[in-house]
Amino acid sequence: MAVRILGTPLSHHKQSVLVAVLLLVLALWCSKRNIMPITKTKQDWSVGAEVRCGFLKLRVTGIRAVFDGLPDIYELESLDGHVHYEFIPHNGVQRVDHRG
């Protein structure tokens, strides 16, 4: 089957290049859609910022994007640095035990 663009047939090599470019564009588009940072809030969720989650006042220590279609995971700690938490939007805050 010959692929034609504007009526001009493409060679096998050009068809392969076209498919590769389209797959790359699709992969980039999908990866951008899976990144879900917190944007619709009055709080600053950047690393080092202090945020409130319910009645807890915590410091953001890291942000992980897993690219699984779910929102990003925010690593938080208490202001004194002794208790660690993970926050996933719509799933809530969960205490993380670092006893290895």
N, C-alpha and C. Protein backbone atom coordinates (compact mmCIF):
# COMPACT_ATOMS: atom_id res chain seq x y z
N MET A 1 0.85 -1.18 0.00
CA MET A 1 0.00 0.00 0.00
C MET A 1 0.89 1.24 0.00
N ALA A 2 0.70 2.08 -0.95
CA ALA A 2 1.50 3.30 -1.06
C ALA A 2 0.84 4.42 -0.27
N VAL A 3 1.63 5.09 0.53
CA VAL A 3 1.16 6.24 1.30
C VAL A 3 1.39 7.47 0.44
N ARG A 4 0.39 8.30 0.35
CA ARG A 4 0.50 9.52 -0.45
C ARG A 4 0.23 10.73 0.43
N ILE A 5 1.03 11.75 0.24
CA ILE A 5 0.80 13.03 0.90
C ILE A 5 0.68 14.07 -0.20
N LEU A 6 -0.45 14.73 -0.25
CA LEU A 6 -0.77 15.70 -1.29
C LEU A 6 -0.60 15.09 -2.68
N GLY A 7 -0.99 13.82 -2.81
CA GLY A 7 -0.96 13.16 -4.10
C GLY A 7 0.38 12.58 -4.50
N THR A 8 1.43 12.83 -3.72
CA THR A 8 2.76 12.33 -4.05
C THR A 8 3.04 11.07 -3.25
N PRO A 9 3.39 9.95 -3.92
CA PRO A 9 3.69 8.73 -3.17
C PRO A 9 5.01 8.85 -2.40
N LEU A 10 5.05 8.24 -1.23
CA LEU A 10 6.26 8.27 -0.40
C LEU A 10 7.02 6.96 -0.55
N SER A 11 8.34 7.06 -0.52
CA SER A 11 9.17 5.85 -0.56
C SER A 11 9.06 5.11 0.76
N HIS A 12 9.52 3.87 0.78
CA HIS A 12 9.47 3.06 2.00
C HIS A 12 10.23 3.74 3.14
N HIS A 13 11.39 4.32 2.83
CA HIS A 13 12.19 5.01 3.86
C HIS A 13 11.43 6.20 4.43
N LYS A 14 10.82 7.00 3.56
CA LYS A 14 10.08 8.17 4.03
C LYS A 14 8.86 7.76 4.85
N GLN A 15 8.22 6.64 4.48
CA GLN A 15 7.10 6.14 5.27
C GLN A 15 7.56 5.74 6.67
N SER A 16 8.73 5.09 6.76
CA SER A 16 9.27 4.69 8.06
C SER A 16 9.59 5.90 8.92
N VAL A 17 10.17 6.92 8.31
CA VAL A 17 10.49 8.14 9.05
C VAL A 17 9.21 8.82 9.52
N LEU A 18 8.20 8.87 8.68
CA LEU A 18 6.93 9.48 9.05
C LEU A 18 6.29 8.75 10.23
N VAL A 19 6.29 7.43 10.20
CA VAL A 19 5.73 6.64 11.31
C VAL A 19 6.51 6.90 12.59
N ALA A 20 7.84 6.95 12.51
CA ALA A 20 8.66 7.21 13.70
C ALA A 20 8.36 8.58 14.29
N VAL A 21 8.22 9.59 13.44
CA VAL A 21 7.92 10.94 13.93
C VAL A 21 6.54 10.98 14.57
N LEU A 22 5.56 10.35 13.96
CA LEU A 22 4.21 10.32 14.53
C LEU A 22 4.18 9.60 15.88
N LEU A 23 4.94 8.51 16.01
CA LEU A 23 4.99 7.80 17.29
C LEU A 23 5.67 8.65 18.36
N LEU A 24 6.70 9.39 17.98
CA LEU A 24 7.37 10.28 18.93
C LEU A 24 6.44 11.38 19.40
N VAL A 25 5.71 11.98 18.48
CA VAL A 25 4.76 13.03 18.84
C VAL A 25 3.68 12.46 19.77
N LEU A 26 3.17 11.28 19.46
CA LEU A 26 2.16 10.65 20.31
C LEU A 26 2.71 10.36 21.71
N ALA A 27 3.94 9.86 21.80
CA ALA A 27 4.54 9.57 23.10
C ALA A 27 4.73 10.84 23.92
N LEU A 28 5.19 11.92 23.29
CA LEU A 28 5.36 13.19 24.01
C LEU A 28 4.03 13.74 24.47
N TRP A 29 3.01 13.65 23.63
CA TRP A 29 1.69 14.14 24.01
C TRP A 29 1.15 13.36 25.20
N CYS A 30 1.30 12.03 25.19
CA CYS A 30 0.81 11.19 26.29
C CYS A 30 1.57 11.49 27.57
N SER A 31 2.87 11.68 27.50
CA SER A 31 3.64 11.93 28.71
C SER A 31 3.28 13.27 29.32
N LYS A 32 3.00 14.27 28.51
CA LYS A 32 2.60 15.58 29.03
C LYS A 32 1.24 15.50 29.71
N ARG A 33 0.35 14.67 29.21
CA ARG A 33 -0.97 14.57 29.80
C ARG A 33 -0.96 13.81 31.11
N ASN A 34 0.07 13.00 31.37
CA ASN A 34 0.12 12.23 32.61
C ASN A 34 0.73 13.02 33.77
N ILE A 35 1.32 14.15 33.49
CA ILE A 35 1.87 14.99 34.56
C ILE A 35 0.73 15.83 35.11
N MET A 36 0.45 15.67 36.39
CA MET A 36 -0.69 16.37 36.98
C MET A 36 -0.26 17.12 38.23
N PRO A 37 0.46 18.22 38.09
CA PRO A 37 0.83 18.98 39.28
C PRO A 37 -0.37 19.73 39.84
N ILE A 38 -0.27 20.11 41.09
CA ILE A 38 -1.33 20.90 41.71
C ILE A 38 -1.21 22.32 41.18
N THR A 39 -2.26 22.79 40.53
CA THR A 39 -2.22 24.13 39.96
C THR A 39 -3.39 25.01 40.41
N LYS A 40 -4.52 24.41 40.76
CA LYS A 40 -5.70 25.20 41.10
C LYS A 40 -5.82 25.33 42.62
N THR A 41 -4.89 26.05 43.22
CA THR A 41 -4.89 26.25 44.66
C THR A 41 -4.27 27.60 44.99
N LYS A 42 -4.56 28.11 46.14
CA LYS A 42 -3.95 29.36 46.59
C LYS A 42 -2.62 29.10 47.28
N GLN A 43 -2.33 27.82 47.61
CA GLN A 43 -1.08 27.48 48.28
C GLN A 43 0.04 27.26 47.28
N ASP A 44 1.26 27.50 47.72
CA ASP A 44 2.44 27.23 46.91
C ASP A 44 2.89 25.80 47.22
N TRP A 45 2.89 24.90 46.21
CA TRP A 45 3.25 23.50 46.40
C TRP A 45 4.65 23.20 45.87
N SER A 46 5.51 24.20 45.76
CA SER A 46 6.87 23.96 45.31
C SER A 46 7.70 23.41 46.47
N VAL A 47 8.83 22.78 46.15
CA VAL A 47 9.70 22.19 47.18
C VAL A 47 10.19 23.28 48.12
N GLY A 48 10.07 23.01 49.41
CA GLY A 48 10.48 23.97 50.45
C GLY A 48 9.34 24.80 50.99
N ALA A 49 8.20 24.82 50.30
CA ALA A 49 7.07 25.63 50.75
C ALA A 49 6.33 24.94 51.89
N GLU A 50 5.68 25.75 52.74
CA GLU A 50 4.85 25.21 53.81
C GLU A 50 3.40 25.22 53.34
N VAL A 51 2.73 24.08 53.54
CA VAL A 51 1.34 23.92 53.09
C VAL A 51 0.50 23.39 54.24
N ARG A 52 -0.80 23.55 54.10
CA ARG A 52 -1.74 22.99 55.06
C ARG A 52 -2.51 21.87 54.39
N CYS A 53 -2.52 20.71 55.03
CA CYS A 53 -3.33 19.56 54.60
C CYS A 53 -4.25 19.24 55.76
N GLY A 54 -5.49 19.67 55.64
CA GLY A 54 -6.40 19.50 56.77
C GLY A 54 -5.92 20.34 57.93
N PHE A 55 -5.69 19.71 59.08
CA PHE A 55 -5.22 20.44 60.25
C PHE A 55 -3.70 20.38 60.39
N LEU A 56 -3.00 19.73 59.46
CA LEU A 56 -1.54 19.61 59.51
C LEU A 56 -0.88 20.74 58.74
N LYS A 57 0.18 21.30 59.31
CA LYS A 57 1.00 22.27 58.60
C LYS A 57 2.32 21.57 58.30
N LEU A 58 2.61 21.38 57.00
CA LEU A 58 3.73 20.55 56.57
C LEU A 58 4.61 21.30 55.58
N ARG A 59 5.84 20.78 55.39
CA ARG A 59 6.79 21.33 54.43
C ARG A 59 6.92 20.36 53.26
N VAL A 60 6.89 20.87 52.03
CA VAL A 60 7.06 20.05 50.84
C VAL A 60 8.55 19.75 50.67
N THR A 61 8.91 18.46 50.66
CA THR A 61 10.32 18.08 50.52
C THR A 61 10.63 17.48 49.15
N GLY A 62 9.62 17.08 48.40
CA GLY A 62 9.86 16.53 47.08
C GLY A 62 8.57 16.28 46.33
N ILE A 63 8.70 16.14 45.01
CA ILE A 63 7.55 15.85 44.16
C ILE A 63 7.98 14.74 43.21
N ARG A 64 7.16 13.66 43.16
CA ARG A 64 7.45 12.54 42.25
C ARG A 64 6.33 12.43 41.23
N ALA A 65 6.72 12.35 39.96
CA ALA A 65 5.78 12.09 38.88
C ALA A 65 6.02 10.67 38.40
N VAL A 66 5.02 9.80 38.56
CA VAL A 66 5.18 8.39 38.23
C VAL A 66 4.73 8.11 36.79
N PHE A 67 4.04 9.03 36.13
CA PHE A 67 3.55 8.89 34.76
C PHE A 67 2.61 7.69 34.62
N ASP A 68 1.73 7.51 35.60
CA ASP A 68 0.76 6.42 35.55
C ASP A 68 -0.65 6.93 35.33
N GLY A 69 -0.78 8.18 34.98
CA GLY A 69 -2.10 8.75 34.75
C GLY A 69 -2.74 9.32 36.00
N LEU A 70 -2.11 9.13 37.15
CA LEU A 70 -2.61 9.65 38.42
C LEU A 70 -1.88 10.94 38.76
N PRO A 71 -2.42 11.73 39.69
CA PRO A 71 -1.73 12.96 40.09
C PRO A 71 -0.35 12.67 40.69
N ASP A 72 0.49 13.69 40.70
CA ASP A 72 1.83 13.55 41.27
C ASP A 72 1.77 13.23 42.76
N ILE A 73 2.87 12.68 43.28
CA ILE A 73 2.99 12.36 44.70
C ILE A 73 3.85 13.43 45.35
N TYR A 74 3.33 14.09 46.36
CA TYR A 74 4.06 15.13 47.08
C TYR A 74 4.61 14.55 48.37
N GLU A 75 5.92 14.65 48.56
CA GLU A 75 6.58 14.19 49.79
C GLU A 75 6.59 15.37 50.76
N LEU A 76 6.06 15.14 51.95
CA LEU A 76 5.92 16.19 52.95
C LEU A 76 6.56 15.75 54.25
N GLU A 77 6.89 16.73 55.09
CA GLU A 77 7.39 16.43 56.44
C GLU A 77 6.83 17.46 57.40
N SER A 78 6.77 17.07 58.67
CA SER A 78 6.33 18.02 59.69
C SER A 78 7.36 19.14 59.77
N LEU A 79 6.95 20.26 60.34
CA LEU A 79 7.86 21.40 60.40
C LEU A 79 9.11 21.12 61.22
N ASP A 80 9.02 20.18 62.19
CA ASP A 80 10.21 19.83 62.96
C ASP A 80 11.05 18.76 62.27
N GLY A 81 10.53 18.18 61.17
CA GLY A 81 11.29 17.23 60.38
C GLY A 81 11.26 15.79 60.87
N HIS A 82 10.46 15.48 61.89
CA HIS A 82 10.46 14.13 62.47
C HIS A 82 9.46 13.18 61.84
N VAL A 83 8.36 13.69 61.29
CA VAL A 83 7.31 12.84 60.74
C VAL A 83 7.19 13.12 59.25
N HIS A 84 7.14 12.04 58.44
CA HIS A 84 7.08 12.18 56.98
C HIS A 84 5.74 11.69 56.45
N TYR A 85 5.26 12.35 55.39
CA TYR A 85 3.98 12.05 54.80
C TYR A 85 4.09 12.04 53.28
N GLU A 86 3.12 11.41 52.62
CA GLU A 86 2.93 11.51 51.18
C GLU A 86 1.52 12.02 50.94
N PHE A 87 1.40 12.92 49.99
CA PHE A 87 0.09 13.47 49.64
C PHE A 87 -0.14 13.25 48.15
N ILE A 88 -1.27 12.62 47.83
CA ILE A 88 -1.72 12.45 46.45
C ILE A 88 -3.08 13.15 46.36
N PRO A 89 -3.21 14.16 45.49
CA PRO A 89 -4.49 14.84 45.38
C PRO A 89 -5.63 13.85 45.12
N HIS A 90 -6.73 14.06 45.77
CA HIS A 90 -7.94 13.24 45.70
C HIS A 90 -7.82 11.93 46.47
N ASN A 91 -6.62 11.55 46.91
CA ASN A 91 -6.44 10.35 47.73
C ASN A 91 -6.13 10.70 49.17
N GLY A 92 -5.55 11.87 49.41
CA GLY A 92 -5.29 12.33 50.76
C GLY A 92 -3.86 12.16 51.22
N VAL A 93 -3.67 12.42 52.53
CA VAL A 93 -2.36 12.36 53.16
C VAL A 93 -2.18 11.01 53.83
N GLN A 94 -0.98 10.46 53.70
CA GLN A 94 -0.67 9.18 54.35
C GLN A 94 0.70 9.30 55.00
N ARG A 95 0.77 8.88 56.26
CA ARG A 95 2.05 8.91 56.98
C ARG A 95 2.97 7.83 56.41
N VAL A 96 4.24 8.18 56.24
CA VAL A 96 5.23 7.24 55.69
C VAL A 96 6.19 6.87 56.80
N ASP A 97 6.39 5.56 56.97
CA ASP A 97 7.30 5.05 57.98
C ASP A 97 8.65 4.78 57.35
N HIS A 98 9.70 5.48 57.80
CA HIS A 98 11.04 5.35 57.22
C HIS A 98 11.94 4.45 58.02
N ARG A 99 11.43 3.37 58.60
CA ARG A 99 12.27 2.51 59.44
C ARG A 99 13.04 1.47 58.62
N GLY A 100 12.87 1.45 57.29
CA GLY A 100 13.65 0.58 56.41
C GLY A 100 13.47 -0.82 56.73
